[in-house]
């Protein structure tokens, strides 16, 4: 008869196998994070671009610089700024999505992100996007608040636990053993000669003083985020240059169910989602400094680019006329609504 195995020995073997499996799994995850980081880092900005101070950097001044992670990306787009900026203007989970890999967002991030590779009129109106609006990543309330919306120059978002977003159902991102938390996420547009655009994305976040939390945040935000940011830069280039195809099912549905029509302006509601615009009436950024909708200092004169210095002199008057035209459309829609209500009220009085 064979001797009975010792329960202690069996438990030790099972425990050892489990620990080994966990170690291999953890090592694979860490290696995977590094691989995707190295791939994403191929679109890092030039050293000169990385060395610049960007609008919004001042929001990180309260933190120990050694605990702040910074990364900057850049790509040249063969289209003028006015054809690039609108894509970021309509960015957001309840609008055109993240303009990164929606599949990765849904599978690994469990976020309800669905991209839209078309410019939509209802998201391009003068009041479609303002400082204080919530740029949602998911229906759960995760996201960031718009701090600055400077037409054709830059859009800056931030999430600060000490100055949380004002939108109903939204929250400032935190987690782990944090002592404080803030990040900025900015998209910057530089007009280049030849009708091209240098598109930059610059973000910073405070990694917290807790070493374990900081280690985890670096892998989740910096490493994996770098991969997603590269995809966003490439998607923006394709969308702006007209090489990003719409979803196959979109064209299929249009063929099957008939021509596609946008809803007319007069039936557009004030908000595209209940919580998105709450903050515009009292932006959280104004607890720190005034929100910006203009910035003559961008792009910097001494920057590393061959800037088209006449671009904004020619562009701004046209932008003003475009806003006036869209505002007139909205005013016409408002007048139609008022007239209908007045007619209904008059009918009730008869």
Protein backbone atom coordinates (compact mmCIF):
# COMPACT_ATOMS: atom_id res chain seq x y z
CA UNK A 1 0.00 0.00 0.00
CA UNK A 2 1.25 3.48 -0.89
CA UNK A 3 1.82 5.91 1.90
CA UNK A 4 -0.75 8.63 2.34
CA UNK A 5 0.32 12.04 1.14
CA UNK A 6 0.79 14.59 3.84
CA UNK A 7 -1.99 17.24 3.79
CA UNK A 8 0.65 19.82 4.61
CA UNK A 9 2.74 18.78 1.61
CA UNK A 10 -0.30 18.87 -0.68
CA UNK A 11 -1.24 22.33 0.56
CA UNK A 12 2.32 23.51 0.03
CA UNK A 13 2.33 22.23 -3.56
CA UNK A 14 -1.02 23.86 -4.33
CA UNK A 15 0.08 27.09 -2.72
CA UNK A 16 3.35 27.07 -4.61
CA UNK A 17 1.60 26.44 -7.91
CA UNK A 18 -0.87 29.24 -7.20
CA UNK A 19 1.86 31.70 -6.28
CA UNK A 20 3.82 30.71 -9.36
CA UNK A 21 0.80 31.28 -11.58
CA UNK A 22 0.15 34.66 -9.98
CA UNK A 23 3.79 35.64 -10.39
CA UNK A 24 3.78 34.69 -14.07
CA UNK A 25 0.50 36.55 -14.57
CA UNK A 26 1.78 39.67 -12.82
CA UNK A 27 5.00 39.56 -14.79
CA UNK A 28 3.08 39.23 -18.04
CA UNK A 29 0.88 42.22 -17.17
CA UNK A 30 3.89 44.38 -16.30
CA UNK A 31 5.72 43.31 -19.45
CA UNK A 32 2.60 44.00 -21.50
CA UNK A 33 2.30 47.49 -20.01
CA UNK A 34 5.87 48.22 -20.97
CA UNK A 35 5.40 46.92 -24.51
CA UNK A 36 2.32 49.07 -25.18
CA UNK A 37 4.10 52.07 -23.62
CA UNK A 38 7.09 51.69 -25.93
CA UNK A 39 4.76 51.43 -28.92
CA UNK A 40 2.77 54.52 -27.91
CA UNK A 41 5.93 56.49 -27.13
CA UNK A 42 6.86 56.43 -30.82
CA UNK A 43 4.59 59.47 -31.18
CA UNK A 44 6.17 61.44 -28.33
CA UNK A 45 6.81 65.08 -29.22
CA UNK A 46 10.26 66.41 -30.04
CA UNK A 47 12.53 67.40 -27.12
CA UNK A 48 11.93 71.08 -27.94
CA UNK A 49 8.15 70.57 -27.85
CA UNK A 50 8.36 68.60 -24.61
CA UNK A 51 10.39 71.38 -22.99
CA UNK A 52 7.71 74.02 -23.56
CA UNK A 53 5.38 75.29 -20.87
CA UNK A 54 1.81 74.67 -22.02
CA UNK A 55 -1.38 76.46 -21.04
CA UNK A 56 -2.71 74.56 -18.03
CA UNK A 57 0.66 73.57 -16.56
CA UNK A 58 0.09 76.12 -13.80
CA UNK A 59 -2.72 73.94 -12.44
CA UNK A 60 -0.09 71.44 -11.27
CA UNK A 61 2.01 73.98 -9.37
CA UNK A 62 0.81 72.86 -5.93
CA UNK A 63 2.40 69.43 -6.29
CA UNK A 64 5.92 68.16 -5.68
CA UNK A 65 7.39 68.14 -9.24
CA UNK A 66 9.14 64.83 -8.55
CA UNK A 67 5.71 63.19 -8.10
CA UNK A 68 4.17 64.63 -11.28
CA UNK A 69 4.22 62.52 -14.45
CA UNK A 70 4.30 64.43 -17.74
CA UNK A 71 4.03 63.31 -21.33
CA UNK A 72 3.59 65.15 -24.62
CA UNK A 73 2.62 63.78 -28.03
CA UNK A 74 2.70 65.41 -31.44
CA UNK A 75 1.75 64.66 -35.02
CA UNK A 76 1.67 66.75 -38.19
CA UNK A 77 -1.67 66.75 -39.98
CA UNK A 78 -2.02 67.69 -43.64
CA UNK A 79 -5.00 69.95 -43.08
CA UNK A 80 -5.44 73.49 -41.72
CA UNK A 81 -6.34 74.04 -38.07
CA UNK A 82 -9.95 74.88 -38.90
CA UNK A 83 -10.39 71.35 -40.28
CA UNK A 84 -8.68 69.68 -37.30
CA UNK A 85 -10.06 71.59 -34.31
CA UNK A 86 -13.75 70.64 -34.93
CA UNK A 87 -12.98 66.97 -34.27
CA UNK A 88 -11.78 67.71 -30.76
CA UNK A 89 -14.56 70.26 -30.26
CA UNK A 90 -17.13 67.44 -30.44
CA UNK A 91 -15.08 64.97 -28.36
CA UNK A 92 -16.80 63.08 -25.52
CA UNK A 93 -18.55 59.85 -24.62
CA UNK A 94 -22.03 61.20 -25.37
CA UNK A 95 -20.80 62.89 -28.55
CA UNK A 96 -18.26 61.47 -31.01
CA UNK A 97 -16.48 59.22 -28.53
CA UNK A 98 -12.82 59.13 -27.51
CA UNK A 99 -11.38 59.07 -31.05
CA UNK A 100 -9.09 56.31 -29.86
CA UNK A 101 -9.66 52.56 -29.94
CA UNK A 102 -13.30 52.17 -28.92
CA UNK A 103 -12.81 48.39 -28.79
CA UNK A 104 -10.04 48.68 -26.20
CA UNK A 105 -12.07 51.26 -24.26
CA UNK A 106 -15.03 48.89 -24.00
CA UNK A 107 -13.22 45.57 -23.49
CA UNK A 108 -10.47 46.60 -21.07
CA UNK A 109 -11.76 49.88 -19.66
CA UNK A 110 -15.39 48.72 -19.53
CA UNK A 111 -16.38 52.18 -20.81
CA UNK A 112 -19.43 52.82 -22.96
CA UNK A 113 -17.45 54.47 -25.77
CA UNK A 114 -18.68 54.45 -29.36
CA UNK A 115 -16.81 56.65 -31.83
CA UNK A 116 -18.39 58.76 -34.54
CA UNK A 117 -16.11 59.50 -37.48
CA UNK A 118 -18.23 62.30 -38.89
CA UNK A 119 -18.58 65.95 -37.93
CA UNK A 120 -22.09 66.53 -36.64
CA UNK A 121 -23.75 69.91 -36.99
CA UNK A 122 -25.49 69.72 -33.62
CA UNK A 123 -22.11 69.37 -31.90
CA UNK A 124 -20.52 72.24 -33.83
CA UNK A 125 -22.77 75.09 -32.71
CA UNK A 126 -21.39 78.06 -30.71
CA UNK A 127 -22.94 76.72 -27.50
CA UNK A 128 -22.17 73.05 -28.16
CA UNK A 129 -19.06 73.18 -26.00
CA UNK A 130 -18.08 75.68 -23.30
CA UNK A 131 -15.72 75.92 -20.31
CA UNK A 132 -17.31 74.02 -17.43
CA UNK A 133 -18.87 71.37 -19.67
CA UNK A 134 -18.22 67.80 -18.58
CA UNK A 135 -16.21 65.71 -21.03
CA UNK A 136 -17.56 62.31 -20.10
CA UNK A 137 -15.67 59.08 -20.68
CA UNK A 138 -18.44 56.80 -19.50
CA UNK A 139 -22.08 56.88 -18.38
CA UNK A 140 -20.90 56.26 -14.81
CA UNK A 141 -19.80 59.89 -14.43
CA UNK A 142 -16.10 59.32 -15.11
CA UNK A 143 -14.40 62.04 -17.08
CA UNK A 144 -13.00 65.55 -16.78
CA UNK A 145 -14.24 69.12 -16.92
CA UNK A 146 -13.38 71.57 -19.69
CA UNK A 147 -11.26 74.38 -18.24
CA UNK A 148 -10.42 76.30 -21.43
CA UNK A 149 -12.02 76.24 -24.87
CA UNK A 150 -9.91 78.56 -27.03
CA UNK A 151 -11.22 78.34 -30.60
CA UNK A 152 -8.74 76.94 -33.13
CA UNK A 153 -5.94 77.07 -30.53
CA UNK A 154 -6.44 74.61 -27.68
CA UNK A 155 -8.84 72.75 -25.42
CA UNK A 156 -7.82 72.03 -21.83
CA UNK A 157 -9.54 69.58 -19.48
CA UNK A 158 -8.78 68.82 -15.85
CA UNK A 159 -9.98 66.67 -12.96
CA UNK A 160 -9.14 67.86 -9.45
CA UNK A 161 -10.42 66.30 -6.21
CA UNK A 162 -10.17 69.72 -4.54
CA UNK A 163 -12.16 71.38 -7.31
CA UNK A 164 -14.54 68.64 -8.53
CA UNK A 165 -16.73 69.00 -11.62
CA UNK A 166 -20.08 70.75 -11.28
CA UNK A 167 -22.05 68.39 -13.51
CA UNK A 168 -24.69 66.23 -11.89
CA UNK A 169 -23.53 62.63 -11.61
CA UNK A 170 -19.89 63.49 -12.39
CA UNK A 171 -16.92 63.01 -10.11
CA UNK A 172 -13.24 63.89 -9.90
CA UNK A 173 -11.14 60.79 -10.50
CA UNK A 174 -9.35 59.35 -7.46
CA UNK A 175 -8.52 55.92 -6.12
CA UNK A 176 -6.16 53.96 -3.95
CA UNK A 177 -4.37 55.59 -1.03
CA UNK A 178 -4.30 59.13 -2.40
CA UNK A 179 -3.37 62.26 -0.49
CA UNK A 180 -4.37 64.48 -3.41
CA UNK A 181 -5.18 63.98 -7.09
CA UNK A 182 -5.27 66.15 -10.17
CA UNK A 183 -4.56 65.75 -13.84
CA UNK A 184 -4.64 68.02 -16.86
CA UNK A 185 -5.25 66.89 -20.42
CA UNK A 186 -4.74 69.42 -23.18
CA UNK A 187 -4.97 69.38 -26.97
CA UNK A 188 -3.09 72.13 -28.78
CA UNK A 189 -3.18 73.24 -32.42
CA UNK A 190 -0.35 75.08 -34.20
CA UNK A 191 -0.93 76.37 -37.75
CA UNK A 192 2.02 75.54 -39.98
CA UNK A 193 2.90 76.99 -43.34
CA UNK A 194 1.51 75.10 -46.28
CA UNK A 195 -1.94 74.64 -44.74
CA UNK A 196 -0.80 72.02 -42.24
CA UNK A 197 -1.31 71.63 -38.48
CA UNK A 198 0.97 70.50 -35.70
CA UNK A 199 -1.40 68.75 -33.31
CA UNK A 200 -0.10 68.22 -29.78
CA UNK A 201 -1.49 66.49 -26.72
CA UNK A 202 0.06 67.24 -23.35
CA UNK A 203 -0.94 65.72 -20.05
CA UNK A 204 0.23 65.69 -16.48
CA UNK A 205 -1.00 63.92 -13.38
CA UNK A 206 0.00 63.81 -9.75
CA UNK A 207 1.17 60.31 -8.87
CA UNK A 208 0.42 60.60 -5.11
CA UNK A 209 2.96 60.15 -2.30
CA UNK A 210 1.99 56.51 -1.62
CA UNK A 211 4.55 54.37 -3.50
CA UNK A 212 2.20 51.44 -4.19
CA UNK A 213 -0.55 53.69 -5.56
CA UNK A 214 2.02 55.61 -7.59
CA UNK A 215 3.41 52.37 -9.04
CA UNK A 216 -0.07 51.20 -10.08
CA UNK A 217 -1.06 54.60 -11.50
CA UNK A 218 2.08 54.77 -13.59
CA UNK A 219 1.30 51.43 -15.25
CA UNK A 220 -2.39 52.14 -15.71
CA UNK A 221 -2.29 55.83 -16.68
CA UNK A 222 1.15 56.53 -18.11
CA UNK A 223 1.97 53.20 -19.73
CA UNK A 224 -1.45 52.12 -21.04
CA UNK A 225 -2.54 55.72 -21.55
CA UNK A 226 0.43 56.31 -23.84
CA UNK A 227 -0.80 53.52 -26.12
CA UNK A 228 -4.32 54.96 -26.23
CA UNK A 229 -2.97 58.46 -26.82
CA UNK A 230 -0.99 57.34 -29.86
CA UNK A 231 -4.17 55.85 -31.30
CA UNK A 232 -6.03 59.10 -30.67
CA UNK A 233 -3.33 61.11 -32.46
CA UNK A 234 -3.49 58.78 -35.45
CA UNK A 235 -7.30 58.78 -35.51
CA UNK A 236 -7.34 62.59 -35.39
CA UNK A 237 -4.98 62.70 -38.36
CA UNK A 238 -7.12 60.29 -40.36
CA UNK A 239 -10.37 62.08 -39.50
CA UNK A 240 -8.93 65.49 -40.37
CA UNK A 241 -7.38 64.29 -43.63
CA UNK A 242 -10.54 62.45 -44.64
CA UNK A 243 -9.05 58.95 -44.61
CA UNK A 244 -10.91 57.55 -41.59
CA UNK A 245 -13.86 55.49 -42.88
CA UNK A 246 -17.17 55.52 -41.04
CA UNK A 247 -18.20 52.28 -39.38
CA UNK A 248 -19.13 49.55 -41.84
CA UNK A 249 -22.46 48.96 -40.09
CA UNK A 250 -23.30 52.66 -40.47
CA UNK A 251 -23.11 52.51 -44.25
CA UNK A 252 -24.95 49.17 -44.20
CA UNK A 253 -27.80 50.57 -42.11
CA UNK A 254 -28.05 53.60 -44.36
CA UNK A 255 -28.36 51.37 -47.40
CA UNK A 256 -30.91 49.08 -45.75
CA UNK A 257 -33.04 51.57 -43.85
CA UNK A 258 -32.83 54.53 -46.19
CA UNK A 259 -30.96 57.81 -46.42
CA UNK A 260 -29.51 59.29 -43.27
CA UNK A 261 -30.77 62.67 -42.08
CA UNK A 262 -29.75 64.80 -39.14
CA UNK A 263 -32.59 66.02 -36.98
CA UNK A 264 -33.45 69.64 -37.87
CA UNK A 265 -32.04 72.34 -35.63
CA UNK A 266 -35.42 73.29 -34.19
CA UNK A 267 -35.84 69.90 -32.51
CA UNK A 268 -32.43 69.84 -30.89
CA UNK A 269 -32.74 69.94 -27.11
CA UNK A 270 -30.66 72.27 -24.99
CA UNK A 271 -28.44 69.38 -23.89
CA UNK A 272 -27.27 66.22 -25.59
CA UNK A 273 -27.12 64.47 -22.19
CA UNK A 274 -28.61 65.66 -18.89
CA UNK A 275 -25.37 66.15 -17.01
CA UNK A 276 -22.90 67.36 -19.61
CA UNK A 277 -23.55 71.12 -19.48
CA UNK A 278 -24.31 71.68 -15.82
CA UNK A 279 -20.86 73.05 -15.06
CA UNK A 280 -20.75 75.80 -17.67
CA UNK A 281 -22.66 78.16 -15.40
CA UNK A 282 -20.02 77.94 -12.65
CA UNK A 283 -16.91 76.13 -13.96
CA UNK A 284 -14.76 74.49 -11.30
CA UNK A 285 -11.64 75.96 -12.88
CA UNK A 286 -12.77 79.42 -11.74
CA UNK A 287 -12.00 78.41 -8.16
CA UNK A 288 -8.37 78.39 -9.32
CA UNK A 289 -8.26 80.94 -12.15
CA UNK A 290 -10.60 82.33 -14.83
CA UNK A 291 -11.62 79.97 -17.63
CA UNK A 292 -10.20 80.94 -21.01
CA UNK A 293 -11.88 81.32 -24.35
CA UNK A 294 -9.07 83.40 -25.88
CA UNK A 295 -5.29 83.30 -25.54
CA UNK A 296 -3.20 85.62 -27.76
CA UNK A 297 -0.03 84.04 -26.34
CA UNK A 298 -0.63 80.70 -28.10
CA UNK A 299 1.24 79.47 -30.04
CA UNK A 300 4.41 80.92 -28.50
CA UNK A 301 6.38 83.14 -30.86
CA UNK A 302 9.65 81.52 -29.83
CA UNK A 303 8.33 77.96 -30.23
CA UNK A 304 10.05 75.24 -32.29
CA UNK A 305 7.61 75.46 -35.22
CA UNK A 306 7.52 77.25 -38.56
CA UNK A 307 4.28 78.96 -37.60
CA UNK A 308 2.01 80.59 -40.15
CA UNK A 309 1.93 83.95 -38.37
CA UNK A 310 -0.88 85.30 -40.56
CA UNK A 311 -3.21 82.33 -40.02
CA UNK A 312 -5.25 83.73 -37.12
CA UNK A 313 -5.38 87.22 -38.63
CA UNK A 314 -7.22 85.68 -41.57
CA UNK A 315 -9.03 82.92 -39.68
CA UNK A 316 -10.57 84.86 -36.77
CA UNK A 317 -12.83 87.13 -38.91
CA UNK A 318 -14.16 84.06 -40.74
CA UNK A 319 -14.69 82.24 -37.43
CA UNK A 320 -16.69 85.20 -36.12
CA UNK A 321 -18.93 85.13 -39.21
CA UNK A 322 -19.41 81.36 -38.87
CA UNK A 323 -20.47 81.78 -35.23
CA UNK A 324 -22.86 84.58 -36.17
CA UNK A 325 -24.41 82.39 -38.87
CA UNK A 326 -24.86 79.45 -36.49
CA UNK A 327 -26.17 81.74 -33.76
CA UNK A 328 -28.72 83.09 -36.23
CA UNK A 329 -29.82 79.52 -36.97
CA UNK A 330 -30.25 78.87 -33.26
CA UNK A 331 -32.09 82.16 -32.82
CA UNK A 332 -34.43 81.23 -35.67
CA UNK A 333 -35.11 77.87 -34.01
CA UNK A 334 -35.75 79.59 -30.67
CA UNK A 335 -38.12 82.08 -32.30
CA UNK A 336 -40.01 79.21 -33.95
CA UNK A 337 -40.40 77.51 -30.56
CA UNK A 338 -41.56 80.73 -28.91
CA UNK A 339 -44.04 81.40 -31.72
CA UNK A 340 -45.46 77.90 -31.39
CA UNK A 341 -45.88 78.29 -27.62
CA UNK A 342 -47.47 81.71 -28.02
CA UNK A 343 -49.91 80.28 -30.55
CA UNK A 344 -50.77 77.44 -28.19
CA UNK A 345 -51.23 79.88 -25.30
CA UNK A 346 -53.47 82.06 -27.46
CA UNK A 347 -55.55 79.02 -28.37
CA UNK A 348 -56.00 78.22 -24.68
CA UNK A 349 -57.24 81.74 -24.02
CA UNK A 350 -59.97 81.54 -26.66
